[in-house]
Protein backbone atom coordinates (compact mmCIF):
# COMPACT_ATOMS: atom_id res chain seq x y z
CA MET A 1 202.31 41.94 139.12
CA VAL A 2 201.89 44.97 141.28
CA GLY A 3 205.34 44.57 142.77
CA ASP A 4 206.99 44.08 139.37
CA THR A 5 205.17 47.15 137.93
CA LEU A 6 206.52 49.26 140.85
CA LEU A 7 209.97 47.90 140.25
CA ALA A 8 209.83 48.93 136.62
CA VAL A 9 208.59 52.34 137.51
CA VAL A 10 211.46 52.80 139.96
CA LEU A 11 214.07 51.79 137.46
CA LEU A 12 212.60 54.02 134.79
CA PHE A 13 212.62 57.08 137.34
CA ILE A 14 216.24 56.27 138.18
CA ASP A 15 217.36 56.18 134.43
CA PHE A 16 215.37 59.38 133.86
CA VAL A 17 216.96 61.33 136.75
CA LEU A 18 220.50 60.14 136.39
CA PHE A 19 221.16 59.71 132.72
CA VAL A 20 218.25 61.54 130.86
CA GLY A 21 217.64 64.62 133.04
CA GLY A 22 221.15 65.12 133.99
CA SER A 23 222.93 63.84 131.00
CA VAL A 24 225.40 61.97 133.08
CA GLY A 25 227.64 59.66 130.97
CA HIS A 26 227.19 61.52 127.80
CA GLU A 27 230.38 63.50 127.35
CA ASN A 28 229.43 64.66 123.81
CA HIS A 29 225.91 64.65 122.73
CA PRO A 30 223.29 62.81 124.67
CA PRO A 31 220.44 61.22 122.67
CA PRO A 32 217.25 63.22 122.46
CA TRP A 33 214.44 62.53 124.90
CA PHE A 34 212.18 61.19 122.20
CA ILE A 35 214.62 58.28 121.61
CA SER A 36 215.91 57.61 125.11
CA LEU A 37 212.57 57.59 126.81
CA PRO A 38 210.83 54.94 124.54
CA ILE A 39 214.01 52.91 124.86
CA ASP A 40 213.97 53.20 128.59
CA VAL A 41 210.24 52.27 128.81
CA ALA A 42 210.83 49.20 126.59
CA MET A 43 213.77 48.28 128.62
CA VAL A 44 211.69 47.94 131.90
CA ALA A 45 208.17 47.16 130.50
CA PRO A 46 208.80 43.48 130.10
CA LEU A 47 209.70 43.00 133.70
CA VAL A 48 205.98 43.46 134.68
CA PHE A 49 205.30 40.02 132.93
CA ARG A 50 208.51 38.19 134.12
CA ARG A 51 206.35 35.87 136.36
CA LYS A 52 203.72 34.89 133.72
CA LYS A 53 205.95 34.82 130.70
CA PRO A 54 209.40 34.65 132.02
CA LEU A 55 211.14 33.41 128.70
CA ALA A 56 209.52 35.86 126.41
CA SER A 57 210.13 38.77 128.83
CA ALA A 58 213.79 37.84 129.28
CA TYR A 59 214.59 37.87 125.61
CA VAL A 60 212.63 41.07 124.93
CA VAL A 61 214.96 42.60 127.73
CA TYR A 62 218.04 41.11 126.03
CA PHE A 63 217.46 42.56 122.64
CA VAL A 64 216.40 45.98 123.91
CA ALA A 65 219.43 45.97 126.35
CA ILE A 66 221.74 45.98 123.27
CA ALA A 67 220.35 49.27 122.19
CA HIS A 68 220.05 50.62 125.76
CA GLY A 69 223.77 49.71 126.38
CA ALA A 70 225.06 51.19 123.30
CA LEU A 71 223.47 54.51 123.97
CA SER A 72 224.55 54.39 127.63
CA LEU A 73 221.11 55.23 128.93
CA GLY A 74 221.47 54.01 132.47
CA PHE A 75 221.89 51.00 134.60
CA SER A 76 218.38 49.69 134.16
CA SER A 77 219.76 47.42 131.46
CA VAL A 78 221.97 45.61 133.89
CA ALA A 79 219.23 45.31 136.49
CA ALA A 80 216.63 44.10 133.92
CA LEU A 81 219.12 41.38 132.51
CA ALA A 82 219.93 40.17 136.05
CA MET A 83 216.21 39.94 136.99
CA SER A 84 215.55 38.10 133.77
CA LEU A 85 218.08 35.51 134.42
CA TYR A 86 216.65 35.09 138.02
CA SER A 87 213.24 34.68 136.62
CA ILE A 88 214.22 32.01 134.11
CA LEU A 89 215.92 30.04 136.88
CA VAL A 90 212.96 30.31 139.20
CA TYR A 91 210.11 29.66 136.85
CA ILE A 92 211.49 27.62 133.96
CA GLY A 93 214.78 25.72 134.89
CA ARG A 94 218.43 25.40 134.54
CA LYS A 95 218.73 24.42 130.78
CA GLN A 96 217.02 27.72 129.55
CA GLY A 97 219.14 29.51 132.34
CA LEU A 98 222.37 28.10 130.85
CA ILE A 99 221.28 29.26 127.31
CA TYR A 100 220.51 32.79 128.69
CA VAL A 101 223.87 32.87 130.50
CA GLY A 102 225.61 32.08 127.15
CA ALA A 103 223.72 34.98 125.50
CA LEU A 104 224.89 37.35 128.27
CA VAL A 105 228.44 36.24 127.97
CA LEU A 106 228.20 36.84 124.15
CA MET A 107 226.83 40.32 124.70
CA THR A 108 229.65 41.17 127.13
CA GLY A 109 232.31 39.82 124.76
CA VAL A 110 230.88 41.79 121.80
CA GLU A 111 230.78 44.95 124.02
CA VAL A 112 234.41 44.59 125.14
CA PHE A 113 235.55 43.93 121.55
CA THR A 114 233.91 46.93 120.09
CA ASP A 115 234.59 49.41 122.87
CA LYS A 116 238.27 49.56 123.46
CA SER A 117 237.93 52.12 126.25
CA THR A 118 236.12 49.57 128.51
CA PRO A 119 238.53 47.57 130.83
CA TRP A 120 237.71 44.05 129.67
CA LEU A 121 239.00 42.41 132.84
CA GLY A 122 236.69 44.55 135.01
CA ASN A 123 233.79 44.11 132.71
CA ALA A 124 234.44 40.30 132.70
CA LEU A 125 234.62 40.10 136.53
CA PHE A 126 231.50 42.19 136.95
CA THR A 127 229.60 40.14 134.59
CA ALA A 128 230.80 36.91 136.19
CA PHE A 129 230.00 38.19 139.69
CA GLY A 130 226.50 39.27 138.54
CA ILE A 131 225.74 35.97 136.84
CA ALA A 132 226.98 33.89 139.95
CA LEU A 133 224.68 36.13 142.27
CA CYS A 134 221.64 35.76 140.07
CA TRP A 135 222.16 32.10 139.58
CA THR A 136 222.60 31.42 143.35
CA LEU A 137 219.52 33.44 144.24
CA GLY A 138 217.52 31.89 141.42
CA GLU A 139 218.61 28.22 142.48
CA PHE A 140 217.66 29.08 146.19
CA VAL A 141 214.24 30.50 145.44
CA GLY A 142 213.47 27.98 142.70
CA ALA A 143 214.19 25.16 145.03
CA ARG A 144 211.95 26.61 147.73
CA ARG A 145 209.17 27.27 145.16
CA ALA A 146 209.50 23.62 143.89
CA TYR A 147 209.32 22.39 147.48
CA GLN A 148 206.21 24.54 148.21
CA LEU A 149 204.55 23.23 144.96
CA GLU A 150 205.26 19.61 145.98
CA VAL A 151 203.94 20.07 149.36
CA GLU A 152 200.81 21.62 148.02
CA ALA A 153 200.31 18.80 145.53
CA ARG A 154 200.88 16.25 148.36
CA LEU A 155 198.33 17.89 150.54
CA HIS A 156 195.87 18.11 147.71
CA LEU A 157 196.40 14.44 147.09
CA LEU A 158 196.08 13.57 150.79
CA GLU A 159 192.71 15.61 151.02
CA THR A 160 191.47 13.75 147.93
CA GLU A 161 192.46 10.29 149.46
CA ARG A 162 190.79 11.34 152.70
CA ASP A 163 187.57 12.47 151.04
CA GLN A 164 187.76 9.22 149.04
CA ALA A 165 188.29 7.17 152.12
CA THR A 166 185.41 9.06 153.77
CA ARG A 167 182.99 8.37 150.97
CA ILE A 168 183.87 4.61 150.96
CA ALA A 169 183.43 4.53 154.76
CA VAL A 170 180.08 6.27 154.60
CA ALA A 171 178.99 3.77 151.92
CA GLU A 172 180.16 0.85 153.83
CA GLU A 173 178.49 2.13 157.03
CA ARG A 174 175.25 2.72 155.33
CA GLY A 175 175.18 -0.84 154.02
CA ARG A 176 175.90 -2.11 157.41
CA ILE A 177 173.13 -0.03 158.92
CA ALA A 178 170.73 -1.06 156.10
CA ARG A 179 171.47 -4.71 156.79
CA GLU A 180 170.90 -4.25 160.60
CA LEU A 181 167.60 -2.31 160.18
CA HIS A 182 166.40 -5.04 157.71
CA ASP A 183 167.35 -7.87 160.21
CA VAL A 184 165.49 -6.16 162.96
CA VAL A 185 162.51 -4.94 161.01
CA ALA A 186 161.81 -7.73 158.70
CA HIS A 187 162.15 -10.54 161.34
CA SER A 188 159.93 -8.83 163.90
CA VAL A 189 157.35 -7.53 161.52
CA SER A 190 157.18 -10.93 159.85
CA VAL A 191 156.42 -12.53 163.16
CA MET A 192 153.87 -9.96 164.17
CA VAL A 193 151.94 -10.25 160.64
CA VAL A 194 151.85 -14.05 161.02
CA GLN A 195 150.55 -13.89 164.60
CA ALA A 196 148.02 -11.21 163.72
CA ASP A 197 146.70 -13.47 161.01
CA GLY A 198 146.53 -16.40 163.22
CA ALA A 199 144.81 -14.41 166.03
CA ALA A 200 142.26 -13.20 163.58
CA LEU A 201 141.36 -16.73 162.52
CA ALA A 202 141.45 -18.11 166.05
CA LEU A 203 139.50 -15.42 167.68
CA PRO A 204 136.00 -16.73 167.05
CA THR A 205 136.68 -20.38 168.01
CA ASN A 206 139.75 -20.25 170.37
CA PRO A 207 140.08 -16.88 172.15
CA GLU A 208 142.83 -18.33 174.28
CA LEU A 209 144.98 -19.10 171.41
CA ALA A 210 144.30 -15.67 170.02
CA GLY A 211 145.28 -14.06 173.27
CA ARG A 212 148.61 -15.87 173.15
CA ALA A 213 149.19 -14.52 169.67
CA LEU A 214 148.40 -11.17 170.63
CA GLN A 215 150.88 -11.49 173.52
CA THR A 216 153.56 -12.57 171.17
CA ILE A 217 152.84 -9.58 168.96
CA SER A 218 153.28 -7.28 171.95
CA GLU A 219 156.43 -8.82 173.00
CA THR A 220 158.06 -8.93 169.61
CA GLY A 221 157.08 -5.45 168.86
CA ARG A 222 158.57 -4.16 172.16
CA GLY A 223 161.81 -6.10 171.33
CA ALA A 224 161.87 -4.67 167.86
CA LEU A 225 161.38 -1.02 169.29
CA GLY A 226 164.13 -1.64 171.63
CA GLU A 227 166.51 -2.77 169.10
CA LEU A 228 165.68 0.10 166.66
CA ARG A 229 166.01 2.64 169.58
CA ARG A 230 169.59 1.39 170.48
CA LEU A 231 170.63 1.38 166.85
CA LEU A 232 169.21 4.93 166.31
CA GLU A 233 170.88 6.18 169.64
CA VAL A 234 174.24 4.92 168.20
CA LEU A 235 173.76 6.73 164.93
CA ARG A 236 172.75 9.89 166.69
CA GLY A 237 175.68 9.47 169.15
CA ASP A 238 173.34 10.13 172.15
CA HIS A 239 175.65 8.20 174.72
CA GLY A 240 174.20 9.11 178.08
CA ASP A 241 176.64 9.15 180.99
CA GLY A 242 176.52 5.94 182.95
CA GLU A 243 173.68 4.59 180.64
CA PRO A 244 173.99 0.86 180.19
CA ARG A 245 174.42 -0.31 176.63
CA VAL A 246 172.91 -3.59 175.39
CA PRO A 247 175.20 -5.60 173.20
CA GLN A 248 174.43 -6.88 169.75
CA PRO A 249 173.01 -10.44 169.69
CA ASP A 250 175.50 -13.28 169.14
CA ALA A 251 175.61 -16.99 168.62
CA ASN A 252 174.84 -17.45 172.44
CA ALA A 253 171.35 -15.83 171.67
CA LEU A 254 170.23 -18.42 169.21
CA GLY A 255 168.34 -20.19 172.03
CA GLU A 256 166.16 -17.08 172.56
CA LEU A 257 165.70 -16.63 168.87
CA ALA A 258 164.53 -20.21 168.47
CA GLU A 259 162.04 -19.59 171.34
CA ARG A 260 160.58 -16.66 169.82
CA MET A 261 160.10 -18.54 166.54
CA ARG A 262 158.30 -21.47 168.40
CA GLY A 263 156.05 -18.96 170.00
CA ALA A 264 155.40 -17.57 166.41
CA GLY A 265 154.20 -21.03 165.33
CA VAL A 266 157.34 -22.57 163.75
CA PRO A 267 158.77 -25.53 165.60
CA VAL A 268 162.52 -25.05 165.56
CA ASP A 269 164.98 -28.00 166.46
CA LEU A 270 168.16 -26.18 167.65
CA ARG A 271 171.46 -27.94 167.91
CA VAL A 272 174.52 -25.84 168.79
CA ASP A 273 177.86 -27.53 169.36
CA ASP A 274 180.34 -26.39 171.97
CA GLY A 275 183.18 -23.96 171.20
CA LEU A 276 181.11 -21.01 170.12
CA THR A 277 181.75 -18.76 173.15
CA ASP A 278 185.13 -17.54 171.97
CA LEU A 279 184.16 -16.54 168.45
CA PRO A 280 184.91 -13.08 167.13
CA ALA A 281 182.06 -10.57 167.81
CA GLY A 282 181.61 -10.01 164.02
CA VAL A 283 181.47 -13.64 163.07
CA SER A 284 179.11 -14.49 166.05
CA LEU A 285 176.81 -11.58 165.03
CA GLY A 286 176.80 -12.90 161.45
CA ILE A 287 175.92 -16.36 162.59
CA TYR A 288 172.95 -14.97 164.50
CA ARG A 289 171.77 -12.85 161.66
CA ILE A 290 172.01 -15.70 159.09
CA VAL A 291 169.95 -18.00 161.33
CA GLN A 292 167.55 -15.13 161.99
CA GLU A 293 167.00 -14.32 158.51
CA SER A 294 166.63 -18.02 157.35
CA LEU A 295 164.03 -18.57 160.11
CA THR A 296 162.17 -15.49 159.06
CA ASN A 297 162.07 -16.77 155.39
CA THR A 298 160.72 -20.13 156.79
CA LEU A 299 157.93 -18.20 158.61
CA LYS A 300 157.04 -16.12 155.56
CA HIS A 301 157.37 -18.70 152.91
CA ALA A 302 157.39 -22.36 154.09
CA GLY A 303 153.68 -22.59 154.73
CA THR A 304 151.47 -23.82 157.49
CA GLY A 305 152.77 -26.48 159.67
CA ALA A 306 156.51 -26.32 158.57
CA ARG A 307 159.21 -27.25 160.89
CA ALA A 308 162.73 -25.82 160.97
CA GLU A 309 166.05 -27.45 161.99
CA VAL A 310 169.14 -25.30 162.89
CA HIS A 311 172.42 -26.82 163.32
CA VAL A 312 175.51 -24.68 164.10
CA ARG A 313 178.93 -26.56 164.60
CA ARG A 314 182.50 -25.56 164.73
CA THR A 315 185.19 -27.63 162.88
CA THR A 316 188.84 -27.52 163.43
CA GLU A 317 191.09 -29.42 160.99
CA GLY A 318 194.82 -28.25 161.05
CA LYS A 319 194.91 -24.51 160.53
CA ASN A 320 191.26 -24.51 159.16
CA ASP A 321 189.02 -23.29 161.89
CA THR A 322 185.45 -22.77 160.55
CA VAL A 323 181.78 -22.62 161.73
CA GLU A 324 179.04 -24.17 159.66
CA VAL A 325 175.58 -22.95 159.86
CA LEU A 326 172.75 -25.13 158.44
CA VAL A 327 169.17 -23.96 158.54
CA ARG A 328 166.59 -26.38 156.83
CA ASP A 329 162.85 -26.51 156.78
CA ASP A 330 160.37 -29.06 155.45
CA GLY A 331 157.78 -26.55 153.92
CA ALA A 332 156.95 -25.76 150.31
CA GLY A 333 158.68 -22.49 150.29
CA ARG A 334 159.78 -20.92 146.95
CA ALA A 335 161.47 -24.15 145.85
CA ARG A 336 159.33 -23.96 142.63
CA GLN A 337 160.50 -20.46 142.07
CA LEU A 338 164.17 -20.59 142.96
CA GLU A 339 166.74 -23.18 141.95
CA GLN A 340 170.04 -22.40 143.93
CA VAL A 341 172.48 -19.67 144.69
CA THR A 342 176.11 -20.01 145.80
CA VAL A 343 178.09 -17.10 146.90
CA GLY A 344 181.40 -16.64 148.65
CA ALA A 345 185.11 -16.48 148.08
CA GLY A 346 185.26 -19.76 145.92
CA ALA A 347 183.90 -20.14 142.38
CA PRO A 348 180.34 -21.45 142.17
CA SER A 349 179.97 -25.17 141.55
CA LYS A 350 179.21 -26.20 138.03
CA LYS A 351 176.66 -28.75 139.22
CA ALA A 352 174.41 -25.99 140.80
CA PRO A 353 172.69 -23.64 138.49
CA ARG A 354 173.07 -19.94 139.25
CA LEU A 355 170.17 -18.01 140.71
CA GLN A 356 169.31 -14.59 139.38
CA VAL A 357 167.78 -12.89 142.40
CA ALA A 358 165.58 -9.93 141.78
CA GLY A 359 165.18 -8.09 144.97
CA GLY A 360 165.33 -10.19 148.19
CA ASN A 361 167.24 -8.05 150.68
CA GLY A 362 167.43 -11.04 153.02
CA LEU A 363 169.39 -13.19 150.68
CA ILE A 364 171.75 -10.11 149.83
CA GLY A 365 172.24 -9.40 153.55
CA MET A 366 173.24 -13.01 154.14
CA ARG A 367 175.51 -13.01 151.16
CA GLU A 368 177.28 -9.79 152.21
CA ARG A 369 177.72 -11.11 155.70
CA ALA A 370 179.37 -14.19 154.27
CA ASN A 371 181.64 -12.40 151.90
CA VAL A 372 182.70 -9.94 154.58
CA TYR A 373 184.26 -12.72 156.57
CA GLY A 374 185.57 -14.68 153.68
CA GLY A 375 182.96 -17.45 153.95
CA THR A 376 180.50 -19.12 151.54
CA LEU A 377 176.78 -19.20 151.45
CA GLU A 378 174.59 -21.83 149.56
CA VAL A 379 170.91 -21.24 149.38
CA GLY A 380 168.39 -23.56 147.61
CA PRO A 381 165.98 -26.60 147.82
CA ALA A 382 167.05 -29.20 150.34
CA PRO A 383 167.75 -32.77 149.09
CA THR A 384 164.95 -34.10 151.17
CA GLY A 385 162.46 -31.36 150.15
CA GLY A 386 161.85 -27.97 151.55
CA TRP A 387 164.40 -25.23 151.70
CA GLN A 388 167.86 -24.91 153.23
CA VAL A 389 170.45 -22.24 153.93
CA ARG A 390 174.22 -23.40 154.55
CA ALA A 391 176.85 -20.96 155.47
CA VAL A 392 180.60 -21.65 156.30
CA LEU A 393 182.53 -18.87 157.89
CA PRO A 394 186.13 -18.95 158.92
CA VAL A 395 186.72 -18.25 162.59
CA ARG A 396 189.65 -15.92 161.90
CA LEU A 397 190.21 -13.82 158.69
CA ALA A 398 193.14 -14.94 156.61
CA PRO A 399 196.19 -12.64 156.94
């Protein structure tokens, strides 16, 4: 607006010097200053608002230009009309520009018809040249302005999509970290609590058994601290130069997991078929975590003397390449409280009643792992008593 104001002041000053002060162009009687000055001001004042209100400003200039031209008060009317046409093309569009061009042609025709002293051919050529010049400039600047607005809109959209993708990625990463922390802490703490209770009971009568329980607590605690430390180092990004990194557990570590559970007092019968060495890292980790959580639930809920059976097998039939994980115990567990839950890509079986789980981060974690890899998870009472967890995970994600 500052530039437009300066332009209006310059046009007003030129008109005042050339046509009002010097009376140039008025052979007989120039109009008095109290008439010419207000018309000059009204002629250039709308140009100040040509960017904010281009259409209204242009038509105010048009109607004032009729009186301004009739009194021959200067060339500011021609300049103001040209700038008004330019502003309409840049800020509004061609349709309104064509209407304004028609109005300008009509004004020129009326002027030539009423003033016989004016050469009509020269006036027509001057008007055509001026309109063509303003139209060309307006089209060029309008196209550049539209391009810049489109670029800004696309940049804003890209920033919005980037922020949205960042928020989604952060939420997914938080969920993954929460599952990993739960798997590490819940399993290890459950083992330590059970062993501590057993050590407290066995200490008066069997100190040797209590000592073995305390040793299991110590080993489990150190292992949990090591996993937590590695996970926190990854979160902080503290990657030491040349420092070895311990990989996440996978299906090959199920033997060590079974040994730890046996040491915690739960006999585990582990059967792992061949063909699990070339599994994708995510699927292999998911198998380990599902077995770990299932055995942790057995330790916490199956009761004293419960035994667990773990069977992991890979089945390949045509294009279907899946891994089935079955964890079953013979304890009392929570069979009286829970019925059955089926989650996964397929619809739940009508034969199995749905389970409304309130809480239970372990079940939620196993369900999420199965869903991530397009598998299914069934949790519920075993047919022969006790509790079982059955998961089927595809080896490769469907394209």
